[in-house]
Amino acid sequence: MRHAGGNERVTIDDKFHLGSDTKAITATLIAVPVEERQLAWSTTVGEVFGEGMPMMDPAWRPVTIEQLLRHRGGAPREPRSRHA
């Protein structure tokens, strides 16, 4: 239905704002290896990527998975360009 309590059906032409669905999906996908004990919520970006990303800003290394998913890791709204 087009709205709660209504009788008019949704059509293929109706548009929906999906909001921030990627945050929930990302958290769910990260929860799988946490549940399987391959990662922990306290695992850091540095532990995940190790020396495999030598260009990574060192400030990101101690940020935990939990902080990233809560968006408390200091991530900027718009990433800086490497060419700036």
Protein backbone atom coordinates (compact mmCIF):
# COMPACT_ATOMS: atom_id res chain seq x y z
CA MET A 1 0.00 0.00 0.00
CA ARG A 2 1.16 3.53 -0.69
CA HIS A 3 0.79 4.55 2.96
CA ALA A 4 -0.07 2.94 6.28
CA GLY A 5 -3.80 2.30 6.56
CA GLY A 6 -4.42 3.17 2.91
CA ASN A 7 -6.01 1.07 0.18
CA GLU A 8 -4.09 2.38 -2.83
CA ARG A 9 -1.45 -0.09 -4.05
CA VAL A 10 2.14 0.83 -4.79
CA THR A 11 2.95 0.99 -8.50
CA ILE A 12 6.14 0.33 -10.41
CA ASP A 13 6.37 4.08 -11.04
CA ASP A 14 6.32 5.04 -7.33
CA LYS A 15 9.60 6.36 -5.99
CA PHE A 16 10.97 5.63 -2.53
CA HIS A 17 13.75 7.17 -0.51
CA LEU A 18 15.75 4.26 0.85
CA GLY A 19 17.78 6.33 3.27
CA SER A 20 20.94 4.87 4.72
CA ASP A 21 20.36 1.21 3.96
CA THR A 22 24.03 0.62 3.18
CA LYS A 23 24.96 1.25 6.82
CA ALA A 24 22.73 -1.58 8.03
CA ILE A 25 23.87 -3.93 5.27
CA THR A 26 27.54 -3.16 5.94
CA ALA A 27 27.09 -3.77 9.66
CA THR A 28 25.34 -7.07 8.95
CA LEU A 29 28.09 -8.21 6.58
CA ILE A 30 30.78 -7.32 9.14
CA ALA A 31 28.84 -9.13 11.88
CA VAL A 32 29.23 -12.45 10.05
CA PRO A 33 33.04 -12.76 10.52
CA VAL A 34 32.63 -11.36 14.05
CA GLU A 35 30.14 -14.13 14.87
CA GLU A 36 32.52 -16.65 13.30
CA ARG A 37 35.30 -15.22 15.49
CA GLN A 38 37.43 -14.27 12.48
CA LEU A 39 37.21 -10.61 13.57
CA ALA A 40 36.17 -8.83 16.76
CA TRP A 41 34.34 -5.55 17.17
CA SER A 42 37.63 -4.28 18.65
CA THR A 43 39.68 -5.31 15.58
CA THR A 44 41.42 -2.24 14.16
CA VAL A 45 41.79 -1.07 10.58
CA GLY A 46 45.53 -1.52 11.01
CA GLU A 47 45.08 -5.15 12.06
CA VAL A 48 42.86 -5.87 9.06
CA PHE A 49 45.06 -4.25 6.44
CA GLY A 50 48.47 -4.56 8.12
CA GLU A 51 51.27 -3.36 5.93
CA GLY A 52 49.23 -4.13 2.80
CA MET A 53 48.21 -0.47 2.56
CA PRO A 54 51.39 1.55 2.97
CA MET A 55 49.67 4.74 1.78
CA MET A 56 47.03 4.56 4.56
CA ASP A 57 46.97 7.56 6.85
CA PRO A 58 48.47 6.25 10.14
CA ALA A 59 45.61 7.90 12.07
CA TRP A 60 43.25 5.24 10.66
CA ARG A 61 45.25 2.26 11.99
CA PRO A 62 43.87 2.32 15.58
CA VAL A 63 40.23 2.87 14.52
CA THR A 64 38.11 -0.17 15.43
CA ILE A 65 35.41 -1.87 13.41
CA GLU A 66 32.91 -0.79 16.06
CA GLN A 67 33.97 2.84 15.75
CA LEU A 68 33.65 2.72 11.96
CA LEU A 69 30.19 1.22 12.12
CA ARG A 70 29.08 3.78 14.68
CA HIS A 71 30.74 6.48 12.56
CA ARG A 72 32.81 7.53 15.54
CA GLY A 73 36.10 6.76 13.88
CA GLY A 74 36.54 10.31 12.61
CA ALA A 75 35.64 9.46 9.02
CA PRO A 76 35.06 12.62 6.99
CA ARG A 77 31.76 13.07 5.16
CA GLU A 78 33.67 13.39 1.89
CA PRO A 79 37.01 11.60 1.49
CA ARG A 80 39.99 13.78 0.64
CA SER A 81 41.32 13.44 -2.87
CA ARG A 82 44.86 12.10 -3.13
CA HIS A 83 45.35 14.55 -5.98
CA ALA A 84 44.42 17.66 -3.99
